[in-house]
PDB file of N, CA and C in Angstrom:
ATOM      1  N   MET A   1     -28.463   2.501 -30.680  1.00  0.00           N
ATOM      2  CA  MET A   1     -27.694   2.853 -29.491  1.00  0.00           C
ATOM      3  C   MET A   1     -26.216   2.572 -29.753  1.00  0.00           C
ATOM      4  N   SER A   2     -25.378   3.451 -29.303  1.00  0.00           N
ATOM      5  CA  SER A   2     -23.944   3.259 -29.517  1.00  0.00           C
ATOM      6  C   SER A   2     -23.399   2.232 -28.524  1.00  0.00           C
ATOM      7  N   GLU A   3     -22.234   1.721 -28.840  1.00  0.00           N
ATOM      8  CA  GLU A   3     -21.602   0.690 -28.018  1.00  0.00           C
ATOM      9  C   GLU A   3     -21.121   1.269 -26.690  1.00  0.00           C
ATOM     10  N   VAL A   4     -21.272   0.473 -25.617  1.00  0.00           N
ATOM     11  CA  VAL A   4     -20.758   0.864 -24.304  1.00  0.00           C
ATOM     12  C   VAL A   4     -19.928  -0.284 -23.739  1.00  0.00           C
ATOM     13  N   TRP A   5     -18.943   0.073 -22.923  1.00  0.00           N
ATOM     14  CA  TRP A   5     -18.198  -0.896 -22.147  1.00  0.00           C
ATOM     15  C   TRP A   5     -18.499  -0.645 -20.683  1.00  0.00           C
ATOM     16  N   TYR A   6     -18.095  -1.566 -19.815  1.00  0.00           N
ATOM     17  CA  TYR A   6     -18.560  -1.549 -18.433  1.00  0.00           C
ATOM     18  C   TYR A   6     -17.406  -1.538 -17.434  1.00  0.00           C
ATOM     19  N   ARG A   7     -17.690  -0.928 -16.291  1.00  0.00           N
ATOM     20  CA  ARG A   7     -16.746  -0.922 -15.172  1.00  0.00           C
ATOM     21  C   ARG A   7     -17.560  -0.844 -13.890  1.00  0.00           C
ATOM     22  N   TYR A   8     -17.228  -1.710 -12.932  1.00  0.00           N
ATOM     23  CA  TYR A   8     -17.849  -1.649 -11.605  1.00  0.00           C
ATOM     24  C   TYR A   8     -16.975  -0.820 -10.679  1.00  0.00           C
ATOM     25  N   TYR A   9     -17.604  -0.124  -9.751  1.00  0.00           N
ATOM     26  CA  TYR A   9     -16.908   0.676  -8.748  1.00  0.00           C
ATOM     27  C   TYR A   9     -17.780   0.726  -7.500  1.00  0.00           C
ATOM     28  N   GLU A  10     -17.152   1.046  -6.359  1.00  0.00           N
ATOM     29  CA  GLU A  10     -17.916   1.122  -5.118  1.00  0.00           C
ATOM     30  C   GLU A  10     -18.206   2.573  -4.749  1.00  0.00           C
ATOM     31  N   VAL A  11     -19.350   2.751  -4.093  1.00  0.00           N
ATOM     32  CA  VAL A  11     -19.757   4.048  -3.577  1.00  0.00           C
ATOM     33  C   VAL A  11     -19.915   3.895  -2.074  1.00  0.00           C
ATOM     34  N   LEU A  12     -19.262   4.782  -1.320  1.00  0.00           N
ATOM     35  CA  LEU A  12     -19.336   4.731   0.133  1.00  0.00           C
ATOM     36  C   LEU A  12     -20.295   5.801   0.615  1.00  0.00           C
ATOM     37  N   TYR A  13     -21.304   5.388   1.369  1.00  0.00           N
ATOM     38  CA  TYR A  13     -22.284   6.325   1.895  1.00  0.00           C
ATOM     39  C   TYR A  13     -22.017   6.552   3.374  1.00  0.00           C
ATOM     40  N   SER A  14     -22.101   7.788   3.792  1.00  0.00           N
ATOM     41  CA  SER A  14     -21.860   8.162   5.180  1.00  0.00           C
ATOM     42  C   SER A  14     -22.999   7.653   6.060  1.00  0.00           C
ATOM     43  N   ARG A  15     -22.691   7.513   7.359  1.00  0.00           N
ATOM     44  CA  ARG A  15     -23.714   7.100   8.323  1.00  0.00           C
ATOM     45  C   ARG A  15     -24.631   8.265   8.675  1.00  0.00           C
ATOM     46  N   GLY A  16     -24.271   9.443   8.265  1.00  0.00           N
ATOM     47  CA  GLY A  16     -25.056  10.627   8.586  1.00  0.00           C
ATOM     48  C   GLY A  16     -24.144  11.837   8.614  1.00  0.00           C
ATOM     49  N   CYS A  17     -24.689  12.952   9.075  1.00  0.00           N
ATOM     50  CA  CYS A  17     -23.919  14.194   9.114  1.00  0.00           C
ATOM     51  C   CYS A  17     -24.013  14.824  10.499  1.00  0.00           C
ATOM     52  N   ASP A  18     -23.001  15.608  10.829  1.00  0.00           N
ATOM     53  CA  ASP A  18     -23.045  16.351  12.086  1.00  0.00           C
ATOM     54  C   ASP A  18     -23.844  17.644  11.884  1.00  0.00           C
ATOM     55  N   GLU A  19     -23.866  18.483  12.913  1.00  0.00           N
ATOM     56  CA  GLU A  19     -24.686  19.696  12.845  1.00  0.00           C
ATOM     57  C   GLU A  19     -24.229  20.685  11.774  1.00  0.00           C
ATOM     58  N   TRP A  20     -23.006  20.556  11.270  1.00  0.00           N
ATOM     59  CA  TRP A  20     -22.494  21.435  10.215  1.00  0.00           C
ATOM     60  C   TRP A  20     -22.628  20.824   8.828  1.00  0.00           C
ATOM     61  N   GLY A  21     -23.185  19.622   8.758  1.00  0.00           N
ATOM     62  CA  GLY A  21     -23.367  18.977   7.465  1.00  0.00           C
ATOM     63  C   GLY A  21     -22.189  18.148   7.007  1.00  0.00           C
ATOM     64  N   ASP A  22     -21.160  18.022   7.867  1.00  0.00           N
ATOM     65  CA  ASP A  22     -20.006  17.201   7.520  1.00  0.00           C
ATOM     66  C   ASP A  22     -20.311  15.735   7.801  1.00  0.00           C
ATOM     67  N   PRO A  23     -19.826  14.819   6.944  1.00  0.00           N
ATOM     68  CA  PRO A  23     -20.105  13.399   7.158  1.00  0.00           C
ATOM     69  C   PRO A  23     -19.485  12.893   8.456  1.00  0.00           C
ATOM     70  N   LEU A  24     -20.198  11.998   9.129  1.00  0.00           N
ATOM     71  CA  LEU A  24     -19.672  11.362  10.331  1.00  0.00           C
ATOM     72  C   LEU A  24     -18.585  10.368   9.935  1.00  0.00           C
ATOM     73  N   PRO A  25     -17.600  10.153  10.803  1.00  0.00           N
ATOM     74  CA  PRO A  25     -16.535   9.199  10.454  1.00  0.00           C
ATOM     75  C   PRO A  25     -17.069   7.780  10.336  1.00  0.00           C
ATOM     76  N   GLY A  26     -16.380   6.992   9.559  1.00  0.00           N
ATOM     77  CA  GLY A  26     -16.782   5.609   9.352  1.00  0.00           C
ATOM     78  C   GLY A  26     -17.652   5.485   8.116  1.00  0.00           C
ATOM     79  N   VAL A  27     -17.782   4.278   7.662  1.00  0.00           N
ATOM     80  CA  VAL A  27     -18.567   4.005   6.461  1.00  0.00           C
ATOM     81  C   VAL A  27     -19.919   3.473   6.872  1.00  0.00           C
ATOM     82  N   GLY A  28     -20.962   4.054   6.348  1.00  0.00           N
ATOM     83  CA  GLY A  28     -22.301   3.586   6.644  1.00  0.00           C
ATOM     84  C   GLY A  28     -22.685   2.417   5.764  1.00  0.00           C
ATOM     85  N   ARG A  29     -22.781   2.674   4.487  1.00  0.00           N
ATOM     86  CA  ARG A  29     -23.240   1.655   3.550  1.00  0.00           C
ATOM     87  C   ARG A  29     -22.337   1.699   2.319  1.00  0.00           C
ATOM     88  N   ILE A  30     -22.097   0.547   1.760  1.00  0.00           N
ATOM     89  CA  ILE A  30     -21.307   0.443   0.533  1.00  0.00           C
ATOM     90  C   ILE A  30     -22.204  -0.152  -0.552  1.00  0.00           C
ATOM     91  N   ALA A  31     -22.205   0.484  -1.694  1.00  0.00           N
ATOM     92  CA  ALA A  31     -22.936  -0.043  -2.843  1.00  0.00           C
ATOM     93  C   ALA A  31     -21.947  -0.213  -3.992  1.00  0.00           C
ATOM     94  N   VAL A  32     -22.137  -1.256  -4.769  1.00  0.00           N
ATOM     95  CA  VAL A  32     -21.322  -1.475  -5.965  1.00  0.00           C
ATOM     96  C   VAL A  32     -22.172  -1.087  -7.161  1.00  0.00           C
ATOM     97  N   GLU A  33     -21.659  -0.143  -7.934  1.00  0.00           N
ATOM     98  CA  GLU A  33     -22.399   0.419  -9.065  1.00  0.00           C
ATOM     99  C   GLU A  33     -21.743  -0.002 -10.378  1.00  0.00           C
ATOM    100  N   LEU A  34     -22.543  -0.078 -11.410  1.00  0.00           N
ATOM    101  CA  LEU A  34     -22.063  -0.389 -12.755  1.00  0.00           C
ATOM    102  C   LEU A  34     -22.044   0.890 -13.578  1.00  0.00           C
ATOM    103  N   MET A  35     -20.886   1.200 -14.126  1.00  0.00           N
ATOM    104  CA  MET A  35     -20.731   2.371 -14.980  1.00  0.00           C
ATOM    105  C   MET A  35     -20.753   1.902 -16.439  1.00  0.00           C
ATOM    106  N   GLU A  36     -21.553   2.567 -17.261  1.00  0.00           N
ATOM    107  CA  GLU A  36     -21.569   2.307 -18.691  1.00  0.00           C
ATOM    108  C   GLU A  36     -20.792   3.432 -19.364  1.00  0.00           C
ATOM    109  N   ILE A  37     -19.698   3.074 -20.018  1.00  0.00           N
ATOM    110  CA  ILE A  37     -18.810   4.063 -20.619  1.00  0.00           C
ATOM    111  C   ILE A  37     -18.893   3.942 -22.136  1.00  0.00           C
ATOM    112  N   PRO A  38     -19.258   5.024 -22.805  1.00  0.00           N
ATOM    113  CA  PRO A  38     -19.376   4.971 -24.268  1.00  0.00           C
ATOM    114  C   PRO A  38     -18.043   4.667 -24.948  1.00  0.00           C
ATOM    115  N   VAL A  39     -18.104   3.873 -25.998  1.00  0.00           N
ATOM    116  CA  VAL A  39     -16.937   3.616 -26.838  1.00  0.00           C
ATOM    117  C   VAL A  39     -16.885   4.724 -27.881  1.00  0.00           C
ATOM    118  N   LEU A  40     -15.785   5.460 -27.880  1.00  0.00           N
ATOM    119  CA  LEU A  40     -15.627   6.564 -28.834  1.00  0.00           C
ATOM    120  C   LEU A  40     -15.073   6.077 -30.166  1.00  0.00           C
ATOM    121  N   LYS A  41     -14.167   5.072 -30.081  1.00  0.00           N
ATOM    122  CA  LYS A  41     -13.544   4.554 -31.308  1.00  0.00           C
ATOM    123  C   LYS A  41     -13.006   3.165 -31.035  1.00  0.00           C
ATOM    124  N   ARG A  42     -13.233   2.238 -31.969  1.00  0.00           N
ATOM    125  CA  ARG A  42     -12.690   0.879 -31.866  1.00  0.00           C
ATOM    126  C   ARG A  42     -11.400   0.793 -32.675  1.00  0.00           C
ATOM    127  N   THR A  43     -10.470  -0.031 -32.181  1.00  0.00           N
ATOM    128  CA  THR A  43      -9.242  -0.324 -32.915  1.00  0.00           C
ATOM    129  C   THR A  43      -9.105  -1.844 -32.966  1.00  0.00           C
ATOM    130  N   PRO A  44      -8.170  -2.372 -33.743  1.00  0.00           N
ATOM    131  CA  PRO A  44      -8.003  -3.830 -33.788  1.00  0.00           C
ATOM    132  C   PRO A  44      -7.653  -4.454 -32.438  1.00  0.00           C
ATOM    133  N   CYS A  45      -6.986  -3.703 -31.548  1.00  0.00           N
ATOM    134  CA  CYS A  45      -6.576  -4.306 -30.276  1.00  0.00           C
ATOM    135  C   CYS A  45      -7.319  -3.749 -29.065  1.00  0.00           C
ATOM    136  N   GLY A  46      -8.295  -2.872 -29.249  1.00  0.00           N
ATOM    137  CA  GLY A  46      -9.006  -2.331 -28.101  1.00  0.00           C
ATOM    138  C   GLY A  46      -9.968  -1.238 -28.502  1.00  0.00           C
ATOM    139  N   ALA A  47     -10.112  -0.266 -27.589  1.00  0.00           N
ATOM    140  CA  ALA A  47     -11.052   0.821 -27.861  1.00  0.00           C
ATOM    141  C   ALA A  47     -10.706   2.050 -27.042  1.00  0.00           C
ATOM    142  N   TRP A  48     -11.111   3.203 -27.571  1.00  0.00           N
ATOM    143  CA  TRP A  48     -11.074   4.448 -26.819  1.00  0.00           C
ATOM    144  C   TRP A  48     -12.435   4.586 -26.159  1.00  0.00           C
ATOM    145  N   VAL A  49     -12.451   4.712 -24.819  1.00  0.00           N
ATOM    146  CA  VAL A  49     -13.711   4.863 -24.094  1.00  0.00           C
ATOM    147  C   VAL A  49     -13.694   6.171 -23.317  1.00  0.00           C
ATOM    148  N   GLY A  50     -14.859   6.730 -23.126  1.00  0.00           N
ATOM    149  CA  GLY A  50     -14.955   7.961 -22.359  1.00  0.00           C
ATOM    150  C   GLY A  50     -16.211   8.721 -22.729  1.00  0.00           C
ATOM    151  N   TYR A  51     -16.339   9.897 -22.136  1.00  0.00           N
ATOM    152  CA  TYR A  51     -17.533  10.693 -22.339  1.00  0.00           C
ATOM    153  C   TYR A  51     -17.315  11.847 -23.310  1.00  0.00           C
ATOM    154  N   SER A  52     -16.062  12.135 -23.631  1.00  0.00           N
ATOM    155  CA  SER A  52     -15.742  13.180 -24.599  1.00  0.00           C
ATOM    156  C   SER A  52     -14.324  12.965 -25.101  1.00  0.00           C
ATOM    157  N   GLU A  53     -13.945  13.692 -26.118  1.00  0.00           N
ATOM    158  CA  GLU A  53     -12.586  13.606 -26.650  1.00  0.00           C
ATOM    159  C   GLU A  53     -11.557  14.082 -25.632  1.00  0.00           C
ATOM    160  N   HIS A  54     -11.965  14.933 -24.703  1.00  0.00           N
ATOM    161  CA  HIS A  54     -11.048  15.459 -23.690  1.00  0.00           C
ATOM    162  C   HIS A  54     -10.958  14.547 -22.468  1.00  0.00           C
ATOM    163  N   ASP A  55     -11.915  13.632 -22.340  1.00  0.00           N
ATOM    164  CA  ASP A  55     -11.968  12.746 -21.178  1.00  0.00           C
ATOM    165  C   ASP A  55     -12.097  11.305 -21.677  1.00  0.00           C
ATOM    166  N   LYS A  56     -10.997  10.780 -22.218  1.00  0.00           N
ATOM    167  CA  LYS A  56     -11.050   9.438 -22.779  1.00  0.00           C
ATOM    168  C   LYS A  56      -9.843   8.625 -22.332  1.00  0.00           C
ATOM    169  N   LYS A  57     -10.012   7.295 -22.374  1.00  0.00           N
ATOM    170  CA  LYS A  57      -8.937   6.368 -22.019  1.00  0.00           C
ATOM    171  C   LYS A  57      -8.870   5.294 -23.100  1.00  0.00           C
ATOM    172  N   PHE A  58      -7.645   4.841 -23.359  1.00  0.00           N
ATOM    173  CA  PHE A  58      -7.490   3.730 -24.292  1.00  0.00           C
ATOM    174  C   PHE A  58      -7.445   2.439 -23.498  1.00  0.00           C
ATOM    175  N   VAL A  59      -8.235   1.465 -23.901  1.00  0.00           N
ATOM    176  CA  VAL A  59      -8.263   0.148 -23.267  1.00  0.00           C
ATOM    177  C   VAL A  59      -7.764  -0.867 -24.279  1.00  0.00           C
ATOM    178  N   ASN A  60      -6.590  -1.423 -23.997  1.00  0.00           N
ATOM    179  CA  ASN A  60      -6.003  -2.442 -24.853  1.00  0.00           C
ATOM    180  C   ASN A  60      -6.436  -3.802 -24.309  1.00  0.00           C
ATOM    181  N   LEU A  61      -7.084  -4.600 -25.134  1.00  0.00           N
ATOM    182  CA  LEU A  61      -7.583  -5.900 -24.676  1.00  0.00           C
ATOM    183  C   LEU A  61      -6.478  -6.924 -24.457  1.00  0.00           C
ATOM    184  N   ASN A  62      -5.241  -6.587 -24.832  1.00  0.00           N
ATOM    185  CA  ASN A  62      -4.116  -7.473 -24.573  1.00  0.00           C
ATOM    186  C   ASN A  62      -3.462  -7.203 -23.222  1.00  0.00           C
ATOM    187  N   TRP A  63      -3.823  -6.127 -22.569  1.00  0.00           N
ATOM    188  CA  TRP A  63      -3.259  -5.791 -21.259  1.00  0.00           C
ATOM    189  C   TRP A  63      -3.961  -6.588 -20.166  1.00  0.00           C
ATOM    190  N   ASN A  64      -3.255  -6.824 -19.067  1.00  0.00           N
ATOM    191  CA  ASN A  64      -3.887  -7.493 -17.929  1.00  0.00           C
ATOM    192  C   ASN A  64      -4.860  -6.564 -17.214  1.00  0.00           C
ATOM    193  N   LYS A  65      -4.444  -5.320 -16.997  1.00  0.00           N
ATOM    194  CA  LYS A  65      -5.312  -4.339 -16.333  1.00  0.00           C
ATOM    195  C   LYS A  65      -6.065  -3.561 -17.396  1.00  0.00           C
ATOM    196  N   ARG A  66      -7.378  -3.550 -17.268  1.00  0.00           N
ATOM    197  CA  ARG A  66      -8.209  -2.845 -18.244  1.00  0.00           C
ATOM    198  C   ARG A  66      -9.203  -1.966 -17.500  1.00  0.00           C
ATOM    199  N   TYR A  67      -9.299  -0.731 -17.911  1.00  0.00           N
ATOM    200  CA  TYR A  67     -10.178   0.223 -17.245  1.00  0.00           C
ATOM    201  C   TYR A  67     -11.650  -0.170 -17.401  1.00  0.00           C
ATOM    202  N   ALA A  68     -12.036  -0.610 -18.562  1.00  0.00           N
ATOM    203  CA  ALA A  68     -13.414  -1.007 -18.839  1.00  0.00           C
ATOM    204  C   ALA A  68     -13.380  -2.234 -19.740  1.00  0.00           C
ATOM    205  N   LEU A  69     -14.496  -2.965 -19.765  1.00  0.00           N
ATOM    206  CA  LEU A  69     -14.542  -4.194 -20.554  1.00  0.00           C
ATOM    207  C   LEU A  69     -15.840  -4.275 -21.347  1.00  0.00           C
ATOM    208  N   PRO A  70     -15.828  -5.045 -22.430  1.00  0.00           N
ATOM    209  CA  PRO A  70     -16.990  -5.066 -23.315  1.00  0.00           C
ATOM    210  C   PRO A  70     -18.232  -5.761 -22.752  1.00  0.00           C
ATOM    211  N   THR A  71     -18.081  -6.632 -21.736  1.00  0.00           N
ATOM    212  CA  THR A  71     -19.257  -7.318 -21.187  1.00  0.00           C
ATOM    213  C   THR A  71     -19.351  -7.110 -19.682  1.00  0.00           C
ATOM    214  N   ILE A  72     -20.558  -7.236 -19.185  1.00  0.00           N
ATOM    215  CA  ILE A  72     -20.783  -7.100 -17.742  1.00  0.00           C
ATOM    216  C   ILE A  72     -20.068  -8.221 -16.988  1.00  0.00           C
ATOM    217  N   ALA A  73     -20.077  -9.428 -17.538  1.00  0.00           N
ATOM    218  CA  ALA A  73     -19.406 -10.560 -16.874  1.00  0.00           C
ATOM    219  C   ALA A  73     -17.908 -10.294 -16.731  1.00  0.00           C
ATOM    220  N   GLU A  74     -17.280  -9.760 -17.771  1.00  0.00           N
ATOM    221  CA  GLU A  74     -15.855  -9.441 -17.694  1.00  0.00           C
ATOM    222  C   GLU A  74     -15.600  -8.302 -16.699  1.00  0.00           C
ATOM    223  N   ALA A  75     -16.507  -7.331 -16.653  1.00  0.00           N
ATOM    224  CA  ALA A  75     -16.368  -6.220 -15.701  1.00  0.00           C
ATOM    225  C   ALA A  75     -16.471  -6.729 -14.267  1.00  0.00           C
ATOM    226  N   ARG A  76     -17.354  -7.692 -14.022  1.00  0.00           N
ATOM    227  CA  ARG A  76     -17.476  -8.286 -12.683  1.00  0.00           C
ATOM    228  C   ARG A  76     -16.195  -9.010 -12.292  1.00  0.00           C
ATOM    229  N   ALA A  77     -15.659  -9.795 -13.209  1.00  0.00           N
ATOM    230  CA  ALA A  77     -14.414 -10.521 -12.928  1.00  0.00           C
ATOM    231  C   ALA A  77     -13.274  -9.541 -12.663  1.00  0.00           C
ATOM    232  N   SER A  78     -13.230  -8.455 -13.415  1.00  0.00           N
ATOM    233  CA  SER A  78     -12.195  -7.438 -13.224  1.00  0.00           C
ATOM    234  C   SER A  78     -12.339  -6.768 -11.866  1.00  0.00           C
ATOM    235  N   TYR A  79     -13.573  -6.455 -11.472  1.00  0.00           N
ATOM    236  CA  TYR A  79     -13.812  -5.824 -10.163  1.00  0.00           C
ATOM    237  C   TYR A  79     -13.353  -6.759  -9.033  1.00  0.00           C
ATOM    238  N   ARG A  80     -13.720  -8.026  -9.136  1.00  0.00           N
ATOM    239  CA  ARG A  80     -13.294  -8.998  -8.112  1.00  0.00           C
ATOM    240  C   ARG A  80     -11.774  -9.057  -8.020  1.00  0.00           C
ATOM    241  N   ALA A  81     -11.099  -9.102  -9.155  1.00  0.00           N
ATOM    242  CA  ALA A  81      -9.633  -9.160  -9.156  1.00  0.00           C
ATOM    243  C   ALA A  81      -9.039  -7.895  -8.554  1.00  0.00           C
ATOM    244  N   ARG A  82      -9.596  -6.724  -8.881  1.00  0.00           N
ATOM    245  CA  ARG A  82      -9.098  -5.468  -8.314  1.00  0.00           C
ATOM    246  C   ARG A  82      -9.265  -5.426  -6.808  1.00  0.00           C
ATOM    247  N   LYS A  83     -10.404  -5.873  -6.313  1.00  0.00           N
ATOM    248  CA  LYS A  83     -10.657  -5.834  -4.867  1.00  0.00           C
ATOM    249  C   LYS A  83      -9.793  -6.868  -4.140  1.00  0.00           C
ATOM    250  N   ARG A  84      -9.588  -8.045  -4.734  1.00  0.00           N
ATOM    251  CA  ARG A  84      -8.697  -9.038  -4.106  1.00  0.00           C
ATOM    252  C   ARG A  84      -7.275  -8.500  -4.010  1.00  0.00           C
ATOM    253  N   ARG A  85      -6.818  -7.839  -5.062  1.00  0.00           N
ATOM    254  CA  ARG A  85      -5.482  -7.243  -5.067  1.00  0.00           C
ATOM    255  C   ARG A  85      -5.402  -6.126  -4.023  1.00  0.00           C
ATOM    256  N   GLU A  86      -6.422  -5.296  -3.936  1.00  0.00           N
ATOM    257  CA  GLU A  86      -6.456  -4.220  -2.949  1.00  0.00           C
ATOM    258  C   GLU A  86      -6.409  -4.780  -1.527  1.00  0.00           C
ATOM    259  N   ILE A  87      -7.163  -5.833  -1.272  1.00  0.00           N
ATOM    260  CA  ILE A  87      -7.156  -6.472   0.044  1.00  0.00           C
ATOM    261  C   ILE A  87      -5.770  -6.991   0.366  1.00  0.00           C
ATOM    262  N   SER A  88      -5.142  -7.646  -0.600  1.00  0.00           N
ATOM    263  CA  SER A  88      -3.796  -8.186  -0.395  1.00  0.00           C
ATOM    264  C   SER A  88      -2.809  -7.074  -0.050  1.00  0.00           C
ATOM    265  N   LEU A  89      -2.865  -5.969  -0.792  1.00  0.00           N
ATOM    266  CA  LEU A  89      -1.961  -4.851  -0.526  1.00  0.00           C
ATOM    267  C   LEU A  89      -2.211  -4.236   0.849  1.00  0.00           C
ATOM    268  N   MET A  90      -3.466  -4.052   1.201  1.00  0.00           N
ATOM    269  CA  MET A  90      -3.799  -3.435   2.486  1.00  0.00           C
ATOM    270  C   MET A  90      -3.432  -4.346   3.659  1.00  0.00           C
ATOM    271  N   GLU A  91      -3.626  -5.657   3.495  1.00  0.00           N
ATOM    272  CA  GLU A  91      -3.233  -6.587   4.553  1.00  0.00           C
ATOM    273  C   GLU A  91      -1.722  -6.567   4.740  1.00  0.00           C
ATOM    274  N   GLY A  92      -0.977  -6.446   3.647  1.00  0.00           N
ATOM    275  CA  GLY A  92       0.479  -6.337   3.736  1.00  0.00           C
ATOM    276  C   GLY A  92       0.902  -5.076   4.460  1.00  0.00           C
ATOM    277  N   ARG A  93       0.256  -3.963   4.140  1.00  0.00           N
ATOM    278  CA  ARG A  93       0.573  -2.698   4.819  1.00  0.00           C
ATOM    279  C   ARG A  93       0.226  -2.766   6.300  1.00  0.00           C
ATOM    280  N   ALA A  94      -0.897  -3.420   6.636  1.00  0.00           N
ATOM    281  CA  ALA A  94      -1.285  -3.565   8.041  1.00  0.00           C
ATOM    282  C   ALA A  94      -0.268  -4.419   8.792  1.00  0.00           C
ATOM    283  N   ALA A  95       0.250  -5.461   8.150  1.00  0.00           N
ATOM    284  CA  ALA A  95       1.255  -6.317   8.794  1.00  0.00           C
ATOM    285  C   ALA A  95       2.527  -5.527   9.079  1.00  0.00           C
ATOM    286  N   VAL A  96       2.946  -4.680   8.135  1.00  0.00           N
ATOM    287  CA  VAL A  96       4.134  -3.850   8.348  1.00  0.00           C
ATOM    288  C   VAL A  96       3.889  -2.873   9.494  1.00  0.00           C
ATOM    289  N   ALA A  97       2.698  -2.273   9.543  1.00  0.00           N
ATOM    290  CA  ALA A  97       2.368  -1.328  10.615  1.00  0.00           C
ATOM    291  C   ALA A  97       2.383  -2.021  11.972  1.00  0.00           C
ATOM    292  N   ARG A  98       1.847  -3.241  12.049  1.00  0.00           N
ATOM    293  CA  ARG A  98       1.867  -4.000  13.314  1.00  0.00           C
ATOM    294  C   ARG A  98       3.304  -4.279  13.758  1.00  0.00           C
ATOM    295  N   ARG A  99       4.146  -4.712  12.815  1.00  0.00           N
ATOM    296  CA  ARG A  99       5.542  -5.007  13.153  1.00  0.00           C
ATOM    297  C   ARG A  99       6.283  -3.748  13.584  1.00  0.00           C
ATOM    298  N   ALA A 100       6.003  -2.619  12.927  1.00  0.00           N
ATOM    299  CA  ALA A 100       6.650  -1.363  13.297  1.00  0.00           C
ATOM    300  C   ALA A 100       6.233  -0.939  14.702  1.00  0.00           C
ATOM    301  N   LEU A 101       4.960  -1.091  15.019  1.00  0.00           N
ATOM    302  CA  LEU A 101       4.490  -0.735  16.362  1.00  0.00           C
ATOM    303  C   LEU A 101       5.114  -1.652  17.404  1.00  0.00           C
ATOM    304  N   GLU A 102       5.203  -2.942  17.122  1.00  0.00           N
ATOM    305  CA  GLU A 102       5.846  -3.881  18.050  1.00  0.00           C
ATOM    306  C   GLU A 102       7.312  -3.506  18.262  1.00  0.00           C
ATOM    307  N   ALA A 103       8.015  -3.159  17.194  1.00  0.00           N
ATOM    308  CA  ALA A 103       9.424  -2.762  17.303  1.00  0.00           C
ATOM    309  C   ALA A 103       9.570  -1.511  18.143  1.00  0.00           C
ATOM    310  N   ALA A 104       8.674  -0.539  17.933  1.00  0.00           N
ATOM    311  CA  ALA A 104       8.724   0.702  18.725  1.00  0.00           C
ATOM    312  C   ALA A 104       8.451   0.425  20.187  1.00  0.00           C
ATOM    313  N   GLU A 105       7.434  -0.379  20.473  1.00  0.00           N
ATOM    314  CA  GLU A 105       7.109  -0.694  21.872  1.00  0.00           C
ATOM    315  C   GLU A 105       8.257  -1.424  22.534  1.00  0.00           C
ATOM    316  N   SER A 106       8.874  -2.363  21.805  1.00  0.00           N
ATOM    317  CA  SER A 106      10.005  -3.100  22.347  1.00  0.00           C
ATOM    318  C   SER A 106      11.181  -2.178  22.634  1.00  0.00           C
ATOM    319  N   GLN A 107      11.484  -1.302  21.689  1.00  0.00           N
ATOM    320  CA  GLN A 107      12.586  -0.349  21.851  1.00  0.00           C
ATOM    321  C   GLN A 107      12.310   0.602  23.013  1.00  0.00           C
ATOM    322  N   TRP A 108      11.108   1.115  23.109  1.00  0.00           N
ATOM    323  CA  TRP A 108      10.786   2.099  24.143  1.00  0.00           C
ATOM    324  C   TRP A 108      10.702   1.489  25.530  1.00  0.00           C
ATOM    325  N   SER A 109      10.379   0.191  25.605  1.00  0.00           N
ATOM    326  CA  SER A 109      10.303  -0.445  26.914  1.00  0.00           C
ATOM    327  C   SER A 109      11.693  -0.618  27.529  1.00  0.00           C
ATOM    328  N   LYS A 110      12.740  -0.571  26.695  1.00  0.00           N
ATOM    329  CA  LYS A 110      14.110  -0.743  27.181  1.00  0.00           C
ATOM    330  C   LYS A 110      14.723   0.591  27.613  1.00  0.00           C
ATOM    331  N   GLU A 111      14.061   1.696  27.322  1.00  0.00           N
ATOM    332  CA  GLU A 111      14.622   3.017  27.657  1.00  0.00           C
ATOM    333  C   GLU A 111      14.343   3.372  29.101  1.00  0.00           C
TER     334      GLU A 111
END
C-alpha cells in the first residue's frame, strides 16, 4: 500500500428538505471525517499530496499550517487548532457586528 497522509474536516448534514428538494435552513448534524490523501512524492522537507498530478498540494513540515499530516494524531491536533482559530475569528467578527449595531441604534435614536 502506498503512503497516505491525513486531514480531518467537518461535514454538515441538513435537517431535511423542502418540497422542492432544497435543504432546510440550519444545520442538522455535524460529522468529523478523516480524509486519507495519497503521497505522490516525498522530499527532504515535506511531501506532495493529492489524488493526481493536476490536483496536488505541497506540504512543508517546517510550516506552521499544513494541509495534511503523516499521522492521525497530528491531523487531530491540526484540526483542533484550526477550529480554535476559526472560533476566535468568528467571535471577533460577532463582537464587531454587535458594536456596529449598538452604534447604529444609538445614532438612530438621536434622529
